[in-house]
Amino acid sequence: MIKGIIFDAYGTLINTGGGSVQAAQRILEKNKKDINAKIFYKKWKYYHKYHEDSLKYFAVEEDIFLMDLILLYQEYEINGNPENDVKIMLDTLGKRTAFPETNVVLNALRPNYQLFIGSNSDDIPLHTDIERNGIEVNKVFTSESLKVYKPKKEFYLFILDEIKMRPYEVLFVGDSLTDDVSGPAALGIKTIWLNYNNSTYDQNDYKPLYEINNLNQLLEIPF
């Protein structure tokens, strides 16, 4: 019997929009570099995930953003000041808007389930976005508060211990096959993949219990 639902935040409940790509564009323009901002930001995300997965110590996302940009400046031979320029990207955090259906779905689920958020994010930006968008859940867990990033097993185990539930008693809902499907599924947590972009997964991936294309479809699933 499902007692609790853990949601990813960004890309699942909260729309990341195009703010990050726009910030990347401003950084490139500041340094007079004619580089496609989408490609630049895609590589930034690659380095960010690499750092989250490989660092031998925990670092908050704000610090990782700077590590990412230093590597990007080396790769693209940008002779700028990453310590100053990273502020352009950091300024976009905490200013995201929830998807229109987010609170409708949460309100419908709340009478029957405990609701939680489990997000790779720093505390302040996420809590700012949650409060501004009127998102109500029982508890919020961030990588900063847990001192570990998804998809490391400790992330999910810490949450389960805190909410006093067993893996088979919760669902994990999110848009990342790695962080929100494979990570929790490896521990026996049922997962629902929110596939906004109609992406595909290969045979080596953990398959979600259900795949949906809109958060509203969560209300049609018999848990």
C-alpha atoms as a PDB file:
ATOM      1  CA  MET A   1       0.000   0.000   0.000  1.00  0.00           C
ATOM      2  CA  ILE A   2       1.406   3.360  -1.024  1.00  0.00           C
ATOM      3  CA  LYS A   3       1.546   5.839   1.852  1.00  0.00           C
ATOM      4  CA  GLY A   4       3.815   8.552   0.490  1.00  0.00           C
ATOM      5  CA  ILE A   5       4.802  10.144  -2.813  1.00  0.00           C
ATOM      6  CA  ILE A   6       8.209  11.770  -3.253  1.00  0.00           C
ATOM      7  CA  PHE A   7       8.442  14.304  -6.064  1.00  0.00           C
ATOM      8  CA  ASP A   8      11.474  15.673  -7.792  1.00  0.00           C
ATOM      9  CA  ALA A   9      11.228  19.461  -7.912  1.00  0.00           C
ATOM     10  CA  TYR A  10      12.796  21.048 -10.993  1.00  0.00           C
ATOM     11  CA  GLY A  11      11.431  19.749 -14.268  1.00  0.00           C
ATOM     12  CA  THR A  12       8.693  17.893 -12.398  1.00  0.00           C
ATOM     13  CA  LEU A  13       6.781  20.326 -10.190  1.00  0.00           C
ATOM     14  CA  ILE A  14       8.637  23.496 -11.140  1.00  0.00           C
ATOM     15  CA  ASN A  15       9.364  24.597 -14.685  1.00  0.00           C
ATOM     16  CA  THR A  16      13.006  25.497 -15.242  1.00  0.00           C
ATOM     17  CA  GLY A  17      12.054  27.498 -18.321  1.00  0.00           C
ATOM     18  CA  GLY A  18      14.777  29.097 -20.418  1.00  0.00           C
ATOM     19  CA  GLY A  19      16.419  31.150 -17.702  1.00  0.00           C
ATOM     20  CA  SER A  20      19.585  29.075 -17.566  1.00  0.00           C
ATOM     21  CA  VAL A  21      20.165  29.248 -21.322  1.00  0.00           C
ATOM     22  CA  GLN A  22      19.545  32.994 -21.228  1.00  0.00           C
ATOM     23  CA  ALA A  23      22.104  33.316 -18.417  1.00  0.00           C
ATOM     24  CA  ALA A  24      24.590  31.320 -20.478  1.00  0.00           C
ATOM     25  CA  GLN A  25      23.953  33.686 -23.381  1.00  0.00           C
ATOM     26  CA  ARG A  26      24.658  36.722 -21.192  1.00  0.00           C
ATOM     27  CA  ILE A  27      27.893  35.171 -19.968  1.00  0.00           C
ATOM     28  CA  LEU A  28      29.024  34.486 -23.534  1.00  0.00           C
ATOM     29  CA  GLU A  29      28.088  37.985 -24.678  1.00  0.00           C
ATOM     30  CA  LYS A  30      29.953  39.517 -21.749  1.00  0.00           C
ATOM     31  CA  ASN A  31      33.077  37.645 -22.812  1.00  0.00           C
ATOM     32  CA  LYS A  32      32.512  38.337 -26.517  1.00  0.00           C
ATOM     33  CA  LYS A  33      32.324  34.651 -27.443  1.00  0.00           C
ATOM     34  CA  ASP A  34      30.289  33.550 -30.452  1.00  0.00           C
ATOM     35  CA  ILE A  35      29.203  30.194 -29.067  1.00  0.00           C
ATOM     36  CA  ASN A  36      25.733  28.675 -29.208  1.00  0.00           C
ATOM     37  CA  ALA A  37      24.255  29.247 -25.747  1.00  0.00           C
ATOM     38  CA  LYS A  38      22.236  26.004 -25.800  1.00  0.00           C
ATOM     39  CA  ILE A  39      25.337  23.949 -26.588  1.00  0.00           C
ATOM     40  CA  PHE A  40      27.317  25.833 -23.949  1.00  0.00           C
ATOM     41  CA  TYR A  41      24.650  25.223 -21.322  1.00  0.00           C
ATOM     42  CA  LYS A  42      24.311  21.557 -22.294  1.00  0.00           C
ATOM     43  CA  LYS A  43      28.032  21.127 -21.616  1.00  0.00           C
ATOM     44  CA  TRP A  44      27.583  23.064 -18.358  1.00  0.00           C
ATOM     45  CA  LYS A  45      24.927  20.531 -17.280  1.00  0.00           C
ATOM     46  CA  TYR A  46      27.301  17.709 -18.210  1.00  0.00           C
ATOM     47  CA  TYR A  47      30.054  19.102 -15.995  1.00  0.00           C
ATOM     48  CA  HIS A  48      27.556  19.776 -13.213  1.00  0.00           C
ATOM     49  CA  LYS A  49      26.381  16.161 -13.189  1.00  0.00           C
ATOM     50  CA  TYR A  50      29.969  14.975 -13.383  1.00  0.00           C
ATOM     51  CA  HIS A  51      30.882  16.990 -10.299  1.00  0.00           C
ATOM     52  CA  GLU A  52      27.807  15.855  -8.358  1.00  0.00           C
ATOM     53  CA  ASP A  53      28.654  12.215  -9.063  1.00  0.00           C
ATOM     54  CA  SER A  54      32.429  12.278  -8.704  1.00  0.00           C
ATOM     55  CA  LEU A  55      33.368  14.719  -5.934  1.00  0.00           C
ATOM     56  CA  LYS A  56      34.859  12.883  -2.947  1.00  0.00           C
ATOM     57  CA  TYR A  57      33.355  15.482  -0.609  1.00  0.00           C
ATOM     58  CA  PHE A  58      29.987  17.194  -0.519  1.00  0.00           C
ATOM     59  CA  ALA A  59      29.753  20.651  -2.072  1.00  0.00           C
ATOM     60  CA  VAL A  60      26.643  22.779  -2.378  1.00  0.00           C
ATOM     61  CA  GLU A  61      25.361  23.438  -5.879  1.00  0.00           C
ATOM     62  CA  GLU A  62      26.388  27.081  -5.710  1.00  0.00           C
ATOM     63  CA  ASP A  63      30.028  26.021  -5.369  1.00  0.00           C
ATOM     64  CA  ILE A  64      29.657  23.373  -8.059  1.00  0.00           C
ATOM     65  CA  PHE A  65      28.365  25.969 -10.508  1.00  0.00           C
ATOM     66  CA  LEU A  66      31.702  27.748 -10.173  1.00  0.00           C
ATOM     67  CA  MET A  67      33.660  24.525 -10.682  1.00  0.00           C
ATOM     68  CA  ASP A  68      31.617  23.916 -13.832  1.00  0.00           C
ATOM     69  CA  LEU A  69      32.273  27.364 -15.236  1.00  0.00           C
ATOM     70  CA  ILE A  70      36.012  27.144 -14.592  1.00  0.00           C
ATOM     71  CA  LEU A  71      36.161  23.980 -16.702  1.00  0.00           C
ATOM     72  CA  LEU A  72      33.997  25.556 -19.398  1.00  0.00           C
ATOM     73  CA  TYR A  73      36.274  28.583 -19.617  1.00  0.00           C
ATOM     74  CA  GLN A  74      39.270  26.274 -20.010  1.00  0.00           C
ATOM     75  CA  GLU A  75      37.560  24.169 -22.674  1.00  0.00           C
ATOM     76  CA  TYR A  76      36.266  27.104 -24.717  1.00  0.00           C
ATOM     77  CA  GLU A  77      39.357  29.247 -24.091  1.00  0.00           C
ATOM     78  CA  ILE A  78      37.361  32.030 -22.491  1.00  0.00           C
ATOM     79  CA  ASN A  79      39.597  34.585 -20.827  1.00  0.00           C
ATOM     80  CA  GLY A  80      37.021  35.792 -18.317  1.00  0.00           C
ATOM     81  CA  ASN A  81      36.462  35.854 -14.581  1.00  0.00           C
ATOM     82  CA  PRO A  82      34.406  32.797 -13.640  1.00  0.00           C
ATOM     83  CA  GLU A  83      34.121  33.907  -9.995  1.00  0.00           C
ATOM     84  CA  ASN A  84      32.226  37.016 -11.117  1.00  0.00           C
ATOM     85  CA  ASP A  85      30.478  35.577 -14.165  1.00  0.00           C
ATOM     86  CA  VAL A  86      28.929  32.644 -12.295  1.00  0.00           C
ATOM     87  CA  LYS A  87      26.772  35.168 -10.439  1.00  0.00           C
ATOM     88  CA  ILE A  88      24.830  35.669 -13.681  1.00  0.00           C
ATOM     89  CA  MET A  89      23.730  32.030 -13.529  1.00  0.00           C
ATOM     90  CA  LEU A  90      23.193  31.980  -9.764  1.00  0.00           C
ATOM     91  CA  ASP A  91      20.911  35.000 -10.071  1.00  0.00           C
ATOM     92  CA  THR A  92      18.415  32.864 -12.020  1.00  0.00           C
ATOM     93  CA  LEU A  93      17.929  30.496  -9.079  1.00  0.00           C
ATOM     94  CA  GLY A  94      14.920  30.846  -6.816  1.00  0.00           C
ATOM     95  CA  LYS A  95      12.900  32.525  -9.580  1.00  0.00           C
ATOM     96  CA  ARG A  96      11.227  29.534 -11.219  1.00  0.00           C
ATOM     97  CA  THR A  97       7.499  29.077 -11.797  1.00  0.00           C
ATOM     98  CA  ALA A  98       5.522  25.931 -11.012  1.00  0.00           C
ATOM     99  CA  PHE A  99       3.780  24.113 -13.847  1.00  0.00           C
ATOM    100  CA  PRO A 100       0.082  25.127 -14.021  1.00  0.00           C
ATOM    101  CA  GLU A 101      -1.071  21.652 -13.003  1.00  0.00           C
ATOM    102  CA  THR A 102       1.307  21.245 -10.042  1.00  0.00           C
ATOM    103  CA  ASN A 103      -0.883  22.523  -7.214  1.00  0.00           C
ATOM    104  CA  VAL A 104      -4.023  21.009  -8.724  1.00  0.00           C
ATOM    105  CA  VAL A 105      -2.427  17.556  -8.654  1.00  0.00           C
ATOM    106  CA  LEU A 106      -0.895  17.976  -5.196  1.00  0.00           C
ATOM    107  CA  ASN A 107      -4.202  19.181  -3.767  1.00  0.00           C
ATOM    108  CA  ALA A 108      -5.971  16.140  -5.217  1.00  0.00           C
ATOM    109  CA  LEU A 109      -3.411  13.723  -3.757  1.00  0.00           C
ATOM    110  CA  ARG A 110      -2.993  15.333  -0.345  1.00  0.00           C
ATOM    111  CA  PRO A 111      -6.063  13.790   1.359  1.00  0.00           C
ATOM    112  CA  ASN A 112      -4.812  10.247   0.709  1.00  0.00           C
ATOM    113  CA  TYR A 113      -1.014  10.450   0.718  1.00  0.00           C
ATOM    114  CA  GLN A 114       1.841  12.165   2.472  1.00  0.00           C
ATOM    115  CA  LEU A 115       3.689  14.276  -0.068  1.00  0.00           C
ATOM    116  CA  PHE A 116       7.397  15.049  -0.122  1.00  0.00           C
ATOM    117  CA  ILE A 117       9.983  16.707  -2.339  1.00  0.00           C
ATOM    118  CA  GLY A 118      13.421  15.189  -2.940  1.00  0.00           C
ATOM    119  CA  SER A 119      15.598  17.484  -5.035  1.00  0.00           C
ATOM    120  CA  ASN A 120      19.205  17.973  -6.073  1.00  0.00           C
ATOM    121  CA  SER A 121      19.287  21.615  -5.056  1.00  0.00           C
ATOM    122  CA  ASP A 122      20.438  24.057  -2.420  1.00  0.00           C
ATOM    123  CA  ASP A 123      18.033  24.944   0.361  1.00  0.00           C
ATOM    124  CA  ILE A 124      17.389  28.634  -0.226  1.00  0.00           C
ATOM    125  CA  PRO A 125      16.546  28.641  -3.967  1.00  0.00           C
ATOM    126  CA  LEU A 126      14.221  25.659  -3.674  1.00  0.00           C
ATOM    127  CA  HIS A 127      12.400  26.857  -0.574  1.00  0.00           C
ATOM    128  CA  THR A 128      12.041  30.278  -2.197  1.00  0.00           C
ATOM    129  CA  ASP A 129      10.430  28.717  -5.277  1.00  0.00           C
ATOM    130  CA  ILE A 130       8.195  26.478  -3.170  1.00  0.00           C
ATOM    131  CA  GLU A 131       6.923  29.337  -1.047  1.00  0.00           C
ATOM    132  CA  ARG A 132       6.382  31.743  -3.938  1.00  0.00           C
ATOM    133  CA  ASN A 133       4.448  29.127  -5.922  1.00  0.00           C
ATOM    134  CA  GLY A 134       2.303  28.062  -2.971  1.00  0.00           C
ATOM    135  CA  ILE A 135       3.461  24.447  -3.128  1.00  0.00           C
ATOM    136  CA  GLU A 136       2.432  22.497  -0.020  1.00  0.00           C
ATOM    137  CA  VAL A 137       4.068  19.190   0.947  1.00  0.00           C
ATOM    138  CA  ASN A 138       4.746  17.424   4.220  1.00  0.00           C
ATOM    139  CA  LYS A 139       8.510  17.863   4.028  1.00  0.00           C
ATOM    140  CA  VAL A 140      11.223  19.022   1.637  1.00  0.00           C
ATOM    141  CA  PHE A 141      14.553  17.243   1.241  1.00  0.00           C
ATOM    142  CA  THR A 142      17.422  18.834  -0.678  1.00  0.00           C
ATOM    143  CA  SER A 143      20.872  17.585  -1.535  1.00  0.00           C
ATOM    144  CA  GLU A 144      22.150  20.334   0.752  1.00  0.00           C
ATOM    145  CA  SER A 145      20.080  19.172   3.711  1.00  0.00           C
ATOM    146  CA  LEU A 146      20.985  15.498   3.122  1.00  0.00           C
ATOM    147  CA  LYS A 147      24.610  16.202   2.135  1.00  0.00           C
ATOM    148  CA  VAL A 148      24.355  13.829  -0.821  1.00  0.00           C
ATOM    149  CA  TYR A 149      23.135  13.965  -4.436  1.00  0.00           C
ATOM    150  CA  LYS A 150      20.825  11.705  -6.387  1.00  0.00           C
ATOM    151  CA  PRO A 151      21.241   8.994  -7.618  1.00  0.00           C
ATOM    152  CA  LYS A 152      23.457   7.884  -4.702  1.00  0.00           C
ATOM    153  CA  LYS A 153      21.505   5.419  -2.603  1.00  0.00           C
ATOM    154  CA  GLU A 154      22.030   7.408   0.584  1.00  0.00           C
ATOM    155  CA  PHE A 155      19.811  10.174  -0.787  1.00  0.00           C
ATOM    156  CA  TYR A 156      16.760   7.920  -0.907  1.00  0.00           C
ATOM    157  CA  LEU A 157      17.628   5.940   2.231  1.00  0.00           C
ATOM    158  CA  PHE A 158      17.928   9.117   4.287  1.00  0.00           C
ATOM    159  CA  ILE A 159      14.488  10.216   3.116  1.00  0.00           C
ATOM    160  CA  LEU A 160      12.923   6.834   3.868  1.00  0.00           C
ATOM    161  CA  ASP A 161      14.436   6.873   7.351  1.00  0.00           C
ATOM    162  CA  GLU A 162      13.183  10.394   8.016  1.00  0.00           C
ATOM    163  CA  ILE A 163       9.620   9.754   6.844  1.00  0.00           C
ATOM    164  CA  LYS A 164       9.505   6.324   8.540  1.00  0.00           C
ATOM    165  CA  MET A 165       8.388   4.452   5.434  1.00  0.00           C
ATOM    166  CA  ARG A 166       9.645   1.342   3.665  1.00  0.00           C
ATOM    167  CA  PRO A 167      10.579   1.333  -0.043  1.00  0.00           C
ATOM    168  CA  TYR A 168       7.385  -0.467  -1.058  1.00  0.00           C
ATOM    169  CA  GLU A 169       5.281   2.179   0.707  1.00  0.00           C
ATOM    170  CA  VAL A 170       6.407   5.114  -1.457  1.00  0.00           C
ATOM    171  CA  LEU A 171       6.409   6.276  -5.059  1.00  0.00           C
ATOM    172  CA  PHE A 172       9.112   8.447  -6.573  1.00  0.00           C
ATOM    173  CA  VAL A 173       7.942  10.785  -9.345  1.00  0.00           C
ATOM    174  CA  GLY A 174      10.355  12.717 -11.533  1.00  0.00           C
ATOM    175  CA  ASP A 175      11.619  13.600 -14.982  1.00  0.00           C
ATOM    176  CA  SER A 176      15.132  12.121 -14.791  1.00  0.00           C
ATOM    177  CA  LEU A 177      15.660   8.466 -15.717  1.00  0.00           C
ATOM    178  CA  THR A 178      18.883   8.442 -13.726  1.00  0.00           C
ATOM    179  CA  ASP A 179      17.911  10.377 -10.602  1.00  0.00           C
ATOM    180  CA  ASP A 180      14.190   9.678 -10.342  1.00  0.00           C
ATOM    181  CA  VAL A 181      13.858   6.193 -11.833  1.00  0.00           C
ATOM    182  CA  SER A 182      17.092   4.181 -11.722  1.00  0.00           C
ATOM    183  CA  GLY A 183      18.254   5.554  -8.368  1.00  0.00           C
ATOM    184  CA  PRO A 184      15.126   4.825  -6.324  1.00  0.00           C
ATOM    185  CA  ALA A 185      14.171   1.700  -8.315  1.00  0.00           C
ATOM    186  CA  ALA A 186      17.495   0.091  -7.362  1.00  0.00           C
ATOM    187  CA  LEU A 187      16.281   0.208  -3.754  1.00  0.00           C
ATOM    188  CA  GLY A 188      12.870  -1.253  -4.492  1.00  0.00           C
ATOM    189  CA  ILE A 189      11.012   2.061  -4.674  1.00  0.00           C
ATOM    190  CA  LYS A 190       8.270   2.175  -7.309  1.00  0.00           C
ATOM    191  CA  THR A 191       8.823   4.977  -9.802  1.00  0.00           C
ATOM    192  CA  ILE A 192       6.821   7.080 -12.220  1.00  0.00           C
ATOM    193  CA  TRP A 193       8.705   8.765 -15.028  1.00  0.00           C
ATOM    194  CA  LEU A 194       7.381  12.146 -16.092  1.00  0.00           C
ATOM    195  CA  ASN A 195       8.492  12.122 -19.712  1.00  0.00           C
ATOM    196  CA  TYR A 196       7.641  15.604 -20.948  1.00  0.00           C
ATOM    197  CA  ASN A 197       9.818  15.328 -24.049  1.00  0.00           C
ATOM    198  CA  ASN A 198       8.800  11.852 -25.260  1.00  0.00           C
ATOM    199  CA  SER A 199      12.330  10.565 -24.692  1.00  0.00           C
ATOM    200  CA  THR A 200      13.264   6.886 -24.886  1.00  0.00           C
ATOM    201  CA  TYR A 201      15.234   4.634 -22.559  1.00  0.00           C
ATOM    202  CA  ASP A 202      17.489   1.719 -23.446  1.00  0.00           C
ATOM    203  CA  GLN A 203      17.385  -1.821 -22.127  1.00  0.00           C
ATOM    204  CA  ASN A 204      19.970  -1.095 -19.445  1.00  0.00           C
ATOM    205  CA  ASP A 205      17.761   1.449 -17.717  1.00  0.00           C
ATOM    206  CA  TYR A 206      15.427   0.575 -14.897  1.00  0.00           C
ATOM    207  CA  LYS A 207      11.934   0.756 -16.318  1.00  0.00           C
ATOM    208  CA  PRO A 208       9.478   2.911 -14.387  1.00  0.00           C
ATOM    209  CA  LEU A 209       6.285   1.416 -13.053  1.00  0.00           C
ATOM    210  CA  TYR A 210       4.438   3.975 -15.185  1.00  0.00           C
ATOM    211  CA  GLU A 211       5.413   6.576 -17.764  1.00  0.00           C
ATOM    212  CA  ILE A 212       3.367   9.763 -18.037  1.00  0.00           C
ATOM    213  CA  ASN A 213       3.654  12.857 -20.213  1.00  0.00           C
ATOM    214  CA  ASN A 214       1.860  15.308 -17.949  1.00  0.00           C
ATOM    215  CA  LEU A 215       1.574  15.515 -14.180  1.00  0.00           C
ATOM    216  CA  ASN A 216      -2.216  15.407 -14.452  1.00  0.00           C
ATOM    217  CA  GLN A 217      -1.954  11.810 -15.631  1.00  0.00           C
ATOM    218  CA  LEU A 218      -0.696  10.869 -12.175  1.00  0.00           C
ATOM    219  CA  LEU A 219      -4.283  11.135 -10.950  1.00  0.00           C
ATOM    220  CA  GLU A 220      -5.357   8.400 -13.394  1.00  0.00           C
ATOM    221  CA  ILE A 221      -2.917   5.791 -12.057  1.00  0.00           C
ATOM    222  CA  PRO A 222      -4.174   3.169  -9.572  1.00  0.00           C
ATOM    223  CA  PHE A 223      -1.387   3.079  -6.985  1.00  0.00           C
END
